[in-house]
Amino acid sequence: MTVNSYEELGLSKQDLIAMFETMVRARKIDERMWKLNRAGKIPFVVSCQGQEAAQVGAAFALEKGIDYILPYYRDVAVVLHFGQTARDLMLSAFAKAEDPNSGGR
């Protein structure tokens, strides 16, 4: 592949940067939730470390507002790409009523 082969795939430099930022954000959130779990602050966490690139690649192949996703607890990068925030994920981890996924259940 050439240096600019991403263009052949229909991606821009901005797409690549957004993909990388989503992968890093997912890893940092995951690391934080892992530490909170080990400190006894949140009851349950399943790591998504090592899956960030696959999740971001799959999410970028879908169209926001058109395609549906059915995420599960390891899909941190997917839900970040589709608009959830770190706050949303932490509300879920802490089982708060404001959790947009399940209302803290």
PDB file of N, CA and C in Angstrom:
ATOM      1  N   MET A   1       0.843  -1.189   0.000  1.00  0.00           N
ATOM      2  CA  MET A   1       0.000   0.000   0.000  1.00  0.00           C
ATOM      3  C   MET A   1       0.885   1.248   0.000  1.00  0.00           C
ATOM      4  N   THR A   2       0.375   2.248  -0.635  1.00  0.00           N
ATOM      5  CA  THR A   2       1.100   3.508  -0.680  1.00  0.00           C
ATOM      6  C   THR A   2       0.820   4.312   0.583  1.00  0.00           C
ATOM      7  N   VAL A   3       1.580   5.357   0.766  1.00  0.00           N
ATOM      8  CA  VAL A   3       1.432   6.195   1.951  1.00  0.00           C
ATOM      9  C   VAL A   3       0.029   6.775   2.029  1.00  0.00           C
ATOM     10  N   ASN A   4      -0.561   7.157   0.913  1.00  0.00           N
ATOM     11  CA  ASN A   4      -1.886   7.766   0.909  1.00  0.00           C
ATOM     12  C   ASN A   4      -2.979   6.774   0.531  1.00  0.00           C
ATOM     13  N   SER A   5      -2.790   5.502   0.828  1.00  0.00           N
ATOM     14  CA  SER A   5      -3.780   4.494   0.447  1.00  0.00           C
ATOM     15  C   SER A   5      -5.125   4.717   1.140  1.00  0.00           C
ATOM     16  N   TYR A   6      -5.141   5.459   2.242  1.00  0.00           N
ATOM     17  CA  TYR A   6      -6.408   5.745   2.914  1.00  0.00           C
ATOM     18  C   TYR A   6      -7.353   6.507   1.998  1.00  0.00           C
ATOM     19  N   GLU A   7      -6.787   7.326   1.104  1.00  0.00           N
ATOM     20  CA  GLU A   7      -7.628   8.068   0.165  1.00  0.00           C
ATOM     21  C   GLU A   7      -8.339   7.126  -0.798  1.00  0.00           C
ATOM     22  N   GLU A   8      -7.675   6.041  -1.160  1.00  0.00           N
ATOM     23  CA  GLU A   8      -8.283   5.043  -2.039  1.00  0.00           C
ATOM     24  C   GLU A   8      -9.470   4.367  -1.355  1.00  0.00           C
ATOM     25  N   LEU A   9      -9.489   4.395  -0.045  1.00  0.00           N
ATOM     26  CA  LEU A   9     -10.583   3.802   0.728  1.00  0.00           C
ATOM     27  C   LEU A   9     -11.688   4.823   1.009  1.00  0.00           C
ATOM     28  N   GLY A  10     -11.519   6.044   0.532  1.00  0.00           N
ATOM     29  CA  GLY A  10     -12.528   7.071   0.737  1.00  0.00           C
ATOM     30  C   GLY A  10     -12.405   7.810   2.053  1.00  0.00           C
ATOM     31  N   LEU A  11     -11.241   7.732   2.680  1.00  0.00           N
ATOM     32  CA  LEU A  11     -11.014   8.401   3.961  1.00  0.00           C
ATOM     33  C   LEU A  11     -10.156   9.642   3.763  1.00  0.00           C
ATOM     34  N   SER A  12     -10.401  10.640   4.575  1.00  0.00           N
ATOM     35  CA  SER A  12      -9.589  11.855   4.556  1.00  0.00           C
ATOM     36  C   SER A  12      -8.626  11.834   5.738  1.00  0.00           C
ATOM     37  N   LYS A  13      -7.717  12.789   5.751  1.00  0.00           N
ATOM     38  CA  LYS A  13      -6.816  12.905   6.899  1.00  0.00           C
ATOM     39  C   LYS A  13      -7.614  13.197   8.163  1.00  0.00           C
ATOM     40  N   GLN A  14      -8.687  13.991   8.030  1.00  0.00           N
ATOM     41  CA  GLN A  14      -9.532  14.301   9.182  1.00  0.00           C
ATOM     42  C   GLN A  14     -10.206  13.035   9.707  1.00  0.00           C
ATOM     43  N   ASP A  15     -10.610  12.137   8.802  1.00  0.00           N
ATOM     44  CA  ASP A  15     -11.190  10.858   9.221  1.00  0.00           C
ATOM     45  C   ASP A  15     -10.183  10.054  10.028  1.00  0.00           C
ATOM     46  N   LEU A  16      -8.940  10.004   9.543  1.00  0.00           N
ATOM     47  CA  LEU A  16      -7.902   9.248  10.251  1.00  0.00           C
ATOM     48  C   LEU A  16      -7.651   9.815  11.636  1.00  0.00           C
ATOM     49  N   ILE A  17      -7.616  11.130  11.736  1.00  0.00           N
ATOM     50  CA  ILE A  17      -7.403  11.770  13.036  1.00  0.00           C
ATOM     51  C   ILE A  17      -8.570  11.472  13.967  1.00  0.00           C
ATOM     52  N   ALA A  18      -9.796  11.564  13.457  1.00  0.00           N
ATOM     53  CA  ALA A  18     -10.979  11.264  14.274  1.00  0.00           C
ATOM     54  C   ALA A  18     -10.966   9.816  14.731  1.00  0.00           C
ATOM     55  N   MET A  19     -10.556   8.915  13.856  1.00  0.00           N
ATOM     56  CA  MET A  19     -10.486   7.494  14.219  1.00  0.00           C
ATOM     57  C   MET A  19      -9.468   7.275  15.341  1.00  0.00           C
ATOM     58  N   PHE A  20      -8.299   7.888  15.187  1.00  0.00           N
ATOM     59  CA  PHE A  20      -7.256   7.746  16.204  1.00  0.00           C
ATOM     60  C   PHE A  20      -7.706   8.338  17.532  1.00  0.00           C
ATOM     61  N   GLU A  21      -8.318   9.521  17.489  1.00  0.00           N
ATOM     62  CA  GLU A  21      -8.780  10.161  18.727  1.00  0.00           C
ATOM     63  C   GLU A  21      -9.833   9.291  19.420  1.00  0.00           C
ATOM     64  N   THR A  22     -10.713   8.673  18.670  1.00  0.00           N
ATOM     65  CA  THR A  22     -11.731   7.797  19.262  1.00  0.00           C
ATOM     66  C   THR A  22     -11.082   6.580  19.899  1.00  0.00           C
ATOM     67  N   MET A  23     -10.077   6.011  19.236  1.00  0.00           N
ATOM     68  CA  MET A  23      -9.377   4.853  19.808  1.00  0.00           C
ATOM     69  C   MET A  23      -8.685   5.213  21.122  1.00  0.00           C
ATOM     70  N   VAL A  24      -8.015   6.363  21.141  1.00  0.00           N
ATOM     71  CA  VAL A  24      -7.311   6.796  22.359  1.00  0.00           C
ATOM     72  C   VAL A  24      -8.311   7.094  23.470  1.00  0.00           C
ATOM     73  N   ARG A  25      -9.399   7.792  23.141  1.00  0.00           N
ATOM     74  CA  ARG A  25     -10.423   8.116  24.141  1.00  0.00           C
ATOM     75  C   ARG A  25     -11.016   6.840  24.727  1.00  0.00           C
ATOM     76  N   ALA A  26     -11.305   5.864  23.870  1.00  0.00           N
ATOM     77  CA  ALA A  26     -11.858   4.590  24.352  1.00  0.00           C
ATOM     78  C   ALA A  26     -10.886   3.899  25.300  1.00  0.00           C
ATOM     79  N   ARG A  27      -9.606   3.895  24.968  1.00  0.00           N
ATOM     80  CA  ARG A  27      -8.609   3.243  25.824  1.00  0.00           C
ATOM     81  C   ARG A  27      -8.505   3.950  27.165  1.00  0.00           C
ATOM     82  N   LYS A  28      -8.488   5.273  27.149  1.00  0.00           N
ATOM     83  CA  LYS A  28      -8.364   6.033  28.401  1.00  0.00           C
ATOM     84  C   LYS A  28      -9.590   5.839  29.296  1.00  0.00           C
ATOM     85  N   ILE A  29     -10.768   5.841  28.712  1.00  0.00           N
ATOM     86  CA  ILE A  29     -11.984   5.608  29.497  1.00  0.00           C
ATOM     87  C   ILE A  29     -11.957   4.203  30.079  1.00  0.00           C
ATOM     88  N   ASP A  30     -11.567   3.236  29.273  1.00  0.00           N
ATOM     89  CA  ASP A  30     -11.490   1.853  29.730  1.00  0.00           C
ATOM     90  C   ASP A  30     -10.497   1.709  30.886  1.00  0.00           C
ATOM     91  N   GLU A  31      -9.334   2.326  30.737  1.00  0.00           N
ATOM     92  CA  GLU A  31      -8.328   2.262  31.804  1.00  0.00           C
ATOM     93  C   GLU A  31      -8.870   2.872  33.095  1.00  0.00           C
ATOM     94  N   ARG A  32      -9.588   3.972  32.971  1.00  0.00           N
ATOM     95  CA  ARG A  32     -10.144   4.633  34.146  1.00  0.00           C
ATOM     96  C   ARG A  32     -11.201   3.774  34.818  1.00  0.00           C
ATOM     97  N   MET A  33     -12.074   3.167  34.018  1.00  0.00           N
ATOM     98  CA  MET A  33     -13.102   2.301  34.594  1.00  0.00           C
ATOM     99  C   MET A  33     -12.465   1.080  35.256  1.00  0.00           C
ATOM    100  N   TRP A  34     -11.410   0.558  34.665  1.00  0.00           N
ATOM    101  CA  TRP A  34     -10.704  -0.588  35.244  1.00  0.00           C
ATOM    102  C   TRP A  34     -10.151  -0.227  36.625  1.00  0.00           C
ATOM    103  N   LYS A  35      -9.536   0.949  36.723  1.00  0.00           N
ATOM    104  CA  LYS A  35      -8.988   1.396  38.013  1.00  0.00           C
ATOM    105  C   LYS A  35     -10.099   1.620  39.037  1.00  0.00           C
ATOM    106  N   LEU A  36     -11.203   2.217  38.604  1.00  0.00           N
ATOM    107  CA  LEU A  36     -12.334   2.440  39.507  1.00  0.00           C
ATOM    108  C   LEU A  36     -12.906   1.120  40.010  1.00  0.00           C
ATOM    109  N   ASN A  37     -12.947   0.137  39.155  1.00  0.00           N
ATOM    110  CA  ASN A  37     -13.435  -1.173  39.563  1.00  0.00           C
ATOM    111  C   ASN A  37     -12.490  -1.807  40.585  1.00  0.00           C
ATOM    112  N   ARG A  38     -11.211  -1.738  40.327  1.00  0.00           N
ATOM    113  CA  ARG A  38     -10.235  -2.331  41.238  1.00  0.00           C
ATOM    114  C   ARG A  38     -10.214  -1.611  42.585  1.00  0.00           C
ATOM    115  N   ALA A  39     -10.623  -0.347  42.594  1.00  0.00           N
ATOM    116  CA  ALA A  39     -10.685   0.420  43.844  1.00  0.00           C
ATOM    117  C   ALA A  39     -12.013   0.218  44.557  1.00  0.00           C
ATOM    118  N   GLY A  40     -12.904  -0.572  43.957  1.00  0.00           N
ATOM    119  CA  GLY A  40     -14.191  -0.846  44.576  1.00  0.00           C
ATOM    120  C   GLY A  40     -15.228   0.248  44.376  1.00  0.00           C
ATOM    121  N   LYS A  41     -14.985   1.152  43.455  1.00  0.00           N
ATOM    122  CA  LYS A  41     -15.904   2.272  43.223  1.00  0.00           C
ATOM    123  C   LYS A  41     -17.048   1.918  42.272  1.00  0.00           C
ATOM    124  N   ILE A  42     -16.772   1.047  41.295  1.00  0.00           N
ATOM    125  CA  ILE A  42     -17.827   0.581  40.397  1.00  0.00           C
ATOM    126  C   ILE A  42     -17.842  -0.940  40.443  1.00  0.00           C
ATOM    127  N   PRO A  43     -19.022  -1.533  40.374  1.00  0.00           N
ATOM    128  CA  PRO A  43     -19.136  -2.965  40.630  1.00  0.00           C
ATOM    129  C   PRO A  43     -18.717  -3.883  39.492  1.00  0.00           C
ATOM    130  N   PHE A  44     -18.760  -3.423  38.258  1.00  0.00           N
ATOM    131  CA  PHE A  44     -18.583  -4.335  37.139  1.00  0.00           C
ATOM    132  C   PHE A  44     -17.911  -3.616  35.979  1.00  0.00           C
ATOM    133  N   VAL A  45     -16.888  -4.220  35.414  1.00  0.00           N
ATOM    134  CA  VAL A  45     -16.264  -3.684  34.202  1.00  0.00           C
ATOM    135  C   VAL A  45     -15.660  -4.845  33.419  1.00  0.00           C
ATOM    136  N   VAL A  46     -15.839  -4.806  32.122  1.00  0.00           N
ATOM    137  CA  VAL A  46     -15.195  -5.756  31.223  1.00  0.00           C
ATOM    138  C   VAL A  46     -14.399  -4.921  30.239  1.00  0.00           C
ATOM    139  N   SER A  47     -13.116  -5.126  30.197  1.00  0.00           N
ATOM    140  CA  SER A  47     -12.230  -4.298  29.401  1.00  0.00           C
ATOM    141  C   SER A  47     -12.467  -4.475  27.900  1.00  0.00           C
ATOM    142  N   CYS A  48     -12.237  -3.389  27.172  1.00  0.00           N
ATOM    143  CA  CYS A  48     -12.291  -3.440  25.715  1.00  0.00           C
ATOM    144  C   CYS A  48     -10.900  -3.210  25.123  1.00  0.00           C
ATOM    145  N   GLN A  49      -9.882  -3.231  25.972  1.00  0.00           N
ATOM    146  CA  GLN A  49      -8.531  -2.968  25.497  1.00  0.00           C
ATOM    147  C   GLN A  49      -8.120  -3.982  24.434  1.00  0.00           C
ATOM    148  N   GLY A  50      -7.559  -3.454  23.363  1.00  0.00           N
ATOM    149  CA  GLY A  50      -7.131  -4.278  22.250  1.00  0.00           C
ATOM    150  C   GLY A  50      -8.176  -4.395  21.161  1.00  0.00           C
ATOM    151  N   GLN A  51      -9.382  -3.901  21.417  1.00  0.00           N
ATOM    152  CA  GLN A  51     -10.460  -3.977  20.433  1.00  0.00           C
ATOM    153  C   GLN A  51     -10.781  -2.626  19.812  1.00  0.00           C
ATOM    154  N   GLU A  52     -10.067  -1.595  20.225  1.00  0.00           N
ATOM    155  CA  GLU A  52     -10.406  -0.242  19.800  1.00  0.00           C
ATOM    156  C   GLU A  52     -10.370  -0.071  18.276  1.00  0.00           C
ATOM    157  N   ALA A  53      -9.340  -0.554  17.626  1.00  0.00           N
ATOM    158  CA  ALA A  53      -9.216  -0.354  16.180  1.00  0.00           C
ATOM    159  C   ALA A  53     -10.322  -1.076  15.421  1.00  0.00           C
ATOM    160  N   ALA A  54     -10.626  -2.296  15.811  1.00  0.00           N
ATOM    161  CA  ALA A  54     -11.696  -3.044  15.140  1.00  0.00           C
ATOM    162  C   ALA A  54     -13.035  -2.351  15.332  1.00  0.00           C
ATOM    163  N   GLN A  55     -13.263  -1.841  16.530  1.00  0.00           N
ATOM    164  CA  GLN A  55     -14.531  -1.150  16.805  1.00  0.00           C
ATOM    165  C   GLN A  55     -14.651   0.142  15.997  1.00  0.00           C
ATOM    166  N   VAL A  56     -13.583   0.911  15.969  1.00  0.00           N
ATOM    167  CA  VAL A  56     -13.612   2.168  15.228  1.00  0.00           C
ATOM    168  C   VAL A  56     -13.751   1.896  13.729  1.00  0.00           C
ATOM    169  N   GLY A  57     -13.038   0.915  13.225  1.00  0.00           N
ATOM    170  CA  GLY A  57     -13.150   0.578  11.806  1.00  0.00           C
ATOM    171  C   GLY A  57     -14.563   0.167  11.437  1.00  0.00           C
ATOM    172  N   ALA A  58     -15.175  -0.653  12.268  1.00  0.00           N
ATOM    173  CA  ALA A  58     -16.550  -1.088  12.007  1.00  0.00           C
ATOM    174  C   ALA A  58     -17.517   0.081  12.118  1.00  0.00           C
ATOM    175  N   ALA A  59     -17.335   0.927  13.117  1.00  0.00           N
ATOM    176  CA  ALA A  59     -18.235   2.060  13.323  1.00  0.00           C
ATOM    177  C   ALA A  59     -18.136   3.060  12.174  1.00  0.00           C
ATOM    178  N   PHE A  60     -16.932   3.293  11.662  1.00  0.00           N
ATOM    179  CA  PHE A  60     -16.772   4.241  10.565  1.00  0.00           C
ATOM    180  C   PHE A  60     -17.376   3.729   9.264  1.00  0.00           C
ATOM    181  N   ALA A  61     -17.601   2.437   9.158  1.00  0.00           N
ATOM    182  CA  ALA A  61     -18.221   1.874   7.958  1.00  0.00           C
ATOM    183  C   ALA A  61     -19.727   2.076   7.961  1.00  0.00           C
ATOM    184  N   LEU A  62     -20.274   2.480   9.109  1.00  0.00           N
ATOM    185  CA  LEU A  62     -21.717   2.698   9.230  1.00  0.00           C
ATOM    186  C   LEU A  62     -22.041   4.180   9.107  1.00  0.00           C
ATOM    187  N   GLU A  63     -23.274   4.475   8.760  1.00  0.00           N
ATOM    188  CA  GLU A  63     -23.699   5.868   8.614  1.00  0.00           C
ATOM    189  C   GLU A  63     -24.529   6.293   9.814  1.00  0.00           C
ATOM    190  N   LYS A  64     -24.063   7.343  10.495  1.00  0.00           N
ATOM    191  CA  LYS A  64     -24.815   7.891  11.626  1.00  0.00           C
ATOM    192  C   LYS A  64     -26.171   8.370  11.133  1.00  0.00           C
ATOM    193  N   GLY A  65     -27.205   8.084  11.905  1.00  0.00           N
ATOM    194  CA  GLY A  65     -28.542   8.511  11.557  1.00  0.00           C
ATOM    195  C   GLY A  65     -29.257   7.579  10.591  1.00  0.00           C
ATOM    196  N   ILE A  66     -28.539   6.612  10.050  1.00  0.00           N
ATOM    197  CA  ILE A  66     -29.150   5.669   9.109  1.00  0.00           C
ATOM    198  C   ILE A  66     -29.022   4.240   9.638  1.00  0.00           C
ATOM    199  N   ASP A  67     -27.799   3.865   9.973  1.00  0.00           N
ATOM    200  CA  ASP A  67     -27.550   2.508  10.460  1.00  0.00           C
ATOM    201  C   ASP A  67     -27.793   2.414  11.958  1.00  0.00           C
ATOM    202  N   TYR A  68     -28.200   1.249  12.389  1.00  0.00           N
ATOM    203  CA  TYR A  68     -28.446   0.978  13.804  1.00  0.00           C
ATOM    204  C   TYR A  68     -27.292   0.188  14.384  1.00  0.00           C
ATOM    205  N   ILE A  69     -27.026   0.432  15.653  1.00  0.00           N
ATOM    206  CA  ILE A  69     -26.053  -0.387  16.375  1.00  0.00           C
ATOM    207  C   ILE A  69     -26.740  -0.958  17.607  1.00  0.00           C
ATOM    208  N   LEU A  70     -26.310  -2.105  18.016  1.00  0.00           N
ATOM    209  CA  LEU A  70     -26.787  -2.740  19.243  1.00  0.00           C
ATOM    210  C   LEU A  70     -25.560  -3.057  20.091  1.00  0.00           C
ATOM    211  N   PRO A  71     -25.033  -2.030  20.760  1.00  0.00           N
ATOM    212  CA  PRO A  71     -23.777  -2.215  21.490  1.00  0.00           C
ATOM    213  C   PRO A  71     -23.945  -3.051  22.752  1.00  0.00           C
ATOM    214  N   TYR A  72     -22.848  -3.620  23.166  1.00  0.00           N
ATOM    215  CA  TYR A  72     -22.800  -4.303  24.446  1.00  0.00           C
ATOM    216  C   TYR A  72     -21.694  -3.677  25.278  1.00  0.00           C
ATOM    217  N   TYR A  73     -21.435  -4.212  26.432  1.00  0.00           N
ATOM    218  CA  TYR A  73     -20.574  -3.528  27.399  1.00  0.00           C
ATOM    219  C   TYR A  73     -19.144  -3.311  26.927  1.00  0.00           C
ATOM    220  N   ARG A  74     -18.655  -4.020  25.950  1.00  0.00           N
ATOM    221  CA  ARG A  74     -17.291  -3.811  25.470  1.00  0.00           C
ATOM    222  C   ARG A  74     -17.192  -2.838  24.302  1.00  0.00           C
ATOM    223  N   ASP A  75     -18.287  -2.328  23.809  1.00  0.00           N
ATOM    224  CA  ASP A  75     -18.287  -1.483  22.620  1.00  0.00           C
ATOM    225  C   ASP A  75     -18.065  -0.006  22.924  1.00  0.00           C
ATOM    226  N   VAL A  76     -17.063   0.286  23.710  1.00  0.00           N
ATOM    227  CA  VAL A  76     -16.802   1.668  24.110  1.00  0.00           C
ATOM    228  C   VAL A  76     -16.488   2.540  22.904  1.00  0.00           C
ATOM    229  N   ALA A  77     -15.604   2.104  22.012  1.00  0.00           N
ATOM    230  CA  ALA A  77     -15.233   2.914  20.852  1.00  0.00           C
ATOM    231  C   ALA A  77     -16.416   3.104  19.906  1.00  0.00           C
ATOM    232  N   VAL A  78     -17.249   2.095  19.774  1.00  0.00           N
ATOM    233  CA  VAL A  78     -18.419   2.201  18.890  1.00  0.00           C
ATOM    234  C   VAL A  78     -19.368   3.278  19.398  1.00  0.00           C
ATOM    235  N   VAL A  79     -19.706   3.223  20.676  1.00  0.00           N
ATOM    236  CA  VAL A  79     -20.666   4.196  21.199  1.00  0.00           C
ATOM    237  C   VAL A  79     -20.073   5.604  21.227  1.00  0.00           C
ATOM    238  N   LEU A  80     -18.769   5.720  21.416  1.00  0.00           N
ATOM    239  CA  LEU A  80     -18.138   7.040  21.341  1.00  0.00           C
ATOM    240  C   LEU A  80     -18.266   7.600  19.931  1.00  0.00           C
ATOM    241  N   HIS A  81     -18.031   6.765  18.941  1.00  0.00           N
ATOM    242  CA  HIS A  81     -18.161   7.220  17.553  1.00  0.00           C
ATOM    243  C   HIS A  81     -19.582   7.677  17.248  1.00  0.00           C
ATOM    244  N   PHE A  82     -20.561   6.998  17.814  1.00  0.00           N
ATOM    245  CA  PHE A  82     -21.954   7.328  17.546  1.00  0.00           C
ATOM    246  C   PHE A  82     -22.510   8.410  18.467  1.00  0.00           C
ATOM    247  N   GLY A  83     -21.659   9.041  19.278  1.00  0.00           N
ATOM    248  CA  GLY A  83     -22.082  10.231  19.998  1.00  0.00           C
ATOM    249  C   GLY A  83     -22.162  10.168  21.506  1.00  0.00           C
ATOM    250  N   GLN A  84     -21.982   8.994  22.093  1.00  0.00           N
ATOM    251  CA  GLN A  84     -21.984   8.995  23.552  1.00  0.00           C
ATOM    252  C   GLN A  84     -20.710   9.653  24.055  1.00  0.00           C
ATOM    253  N   THR A  85     -20.774  10.141  25.260  1.00  0.00           N
ATOM    254  CA  THR A  85     -19.635  10.841  25.856  1.00  0.00           C
ATOM    255  C   THR A  85     -19.022   9.992  26.961  1.00  0.00           C
ATOM    256  N   ALA A  86     -17.863  10.427  27.416  1.00  0.00           N
ATOM    257  CA  ALA A  86     -17.236   9.765  28.555  1.00  0.00           C
ATOM    258  C   ALA A  86     -18.157   9.851  29.771  1.00  0.00           C
ATOM    259  N   ARG A  87     -18.853  10.970  29.898  1.00  0.00           N
ATOM    260  CA  ARG A  87     -19.805  11.133  31.012  1.00  0.00           C
ATOM    261  C   ARG A  87     -20.911  10.089  30.927  1.00  0.00           C
ATOM    262  N   ASP A  88     -21.453   9.880  29.740  1.00  0.00           N
ATOM    263  CA  ASP A  88     -22.492   8.862  29.554  1.00  0.00           C
ATOM    264  C   ASP A  88     -21.995   7.484  29.990  1.00  0.00           C
ATOM    265  N   LEU A  89     -20.777   7.159  29.602  1.00  0.00           N
ATOM    266  CA  LEU A  89     -20.220   5.852  29.950  1.00  0.00           C
ATOM    267  C   LEU A  89     -19.986   5.723  31.451  1.00  0.00           C
ATOM    268  N   MET A  90     -19.548   6.803  32.076  1.00  0.00           N
ATOM    269  CA  MET A  90     -19.331   6.763  33.520  1.00  0.00           C
ATOM    270  C   MET A  90     -20.659   6.699  34.284  1.00  0.00           C
ATOM    271  N   LEU A  91     -21.680   7.391  33.792  1.00  0.00           N
ATOM    272  CA  LEU A  91     -22.999   7.281  34.423  1.00  0.00           C
ATOM    273  C   LEU A  91     -23.479   5.835  34.391  1.00  0.00           C
ATOM    274  N   SER A  92     -23.213   5.160  33.298  1.00  0.00           N
ATOM    275  CA  SER A  92     -23.583   3.754  33.183  1.00  0.00           C
ATOM    276  C   SER A  92     -22.767   2.901  34.153  1.00  0.00           C
ATOM    277  N   ALA A  93     -21.462   3.132  34.196  1.00  0.00           N
ATOM    278  CA  ALA A  93     -20.585   2.343  35.070  1.00  0.00           C
ATOM    279  C   ALA A  93     -20.949   2.507  36.543  1.00  0.00           C
ATOM    280  N   PHE A  94     -21.353   3.719  36.927  1.00  0.00           N
ATOM    281  CA  PHE A  94     -21.720   3.989  38.314  1.00  0.00           C
ATOM    282  C   PHE A  94     -23.203   3.704  38.594  1.00  0.00           C
ATOM    283  N   ALA A  95     -23.925   3.221  37.566  1.00  0.00           N
ATOM    284  CA  ALA A  95     -25.354   2.877  37.692  1.00  0.00           C
ATOM    285  C   ALA A  95     -26.179   4.052  38.204  1.00  0.00           C
ATOM    286  N   LYS A  96     -25.972   5.203  37.602  1.00  0.00           N
ATOM    287  CA  LYS A  96     -26.704   6.412  37.980  1.00  0.00           C
ATOM    288  C   LYS A  96     -28.000   6.521  37.190  1.00  0.00           C
ATOM    289  N   ALA A  97     -28.987   7.138  37.774  1.00  0.00           N
ATOM    290  CA  ALA A  97     -30.292   7.272  37.122  1.00  0.00           C
ATOM    291  C   ALA A  97     -30.208   8.055  35.817  1.00  0.00           C
ATOM    292  N   GLU A  98     -29.228   8.935  35.684  1.00  0.00           N
ATOM    293  CA  GLU A  98     -29.079   9.735  34.468  1.00  0.00           C
ATOM    294  C   GLU A  98     -28.452   8.948  33.324  1.00  0.00           C
ATOM    295  N   ASP A  99     -28.065   7.701  33.556  1.00  0.00           N
ATOM    296  CA  ASP A  99     -27.465   6.856  32.533  1.00  0.00           C
ATOM    297  C   ASP A  99     -28.388   6.786  31.314  1.00  0.00           C
ATOM    298  N   PRO A 100     -27.934   7.236  30.135  1.00  0.00           N
ATOM    299  CA  PRO A 100     -28.800   7.255  28.956  1.00  0.00           C
ATOM    300  C   PRO A 100     -29.090   5.862  28.401  1.00  0.00           C
ATOM    301  N   ASN A 101     -28.357   4.861  28.844  1.00  0.00           N
ATOM    302  CA  ASN A 101     -28.544   3.503  28.319  1.00  0.00           C
ATOM    303  C   ASN A 101     -29.646   2.737  29.047  1.00  0.00           C
ATOM    304  N   SER A 102     -29.600   2.788  30.368  1.00  0.00           N
ATOM    305  CA  SER A 102     -30.553   1.942  31.113  1.00  0.00           C
ATOM    306  C   SER A 102     -31.173   2.648  32.308  1.00  0.00           C
ATOM    307  N   GLY A 103     -30.884   3.912  32.481  1.00  0.00           N
ATOM    308  CA  GLY A 103     -31.437   4.613  33.631  1.00  0.00           C
ATOM    309  C   GLY A 103     -30.878   4.103  34.947  1.00  0.00           C
ATOM    310  N   GLY A 104     -29.661   3.564  34.912  1.00  0.00           N
ATOM    311  CA  GLY A 104     -28.995   3.119  36.128  1.00  0.00           C
ATOM    312  C   GLY A 104     -29.289   1.681  36.521  1.00  0.00           C
ATOM    313  N   ARG A 105     -29.939   0.948  35.673  1.00  0.00           N
ATOM    314  CA  ARG A 105     -30.230  -0.457  35.998  1.00  0.00           C
ATOM    315  C   ARG A 105     -29.105  -1.367  35.601  1.00  0.00           C
TER     316      ARG A 105
END
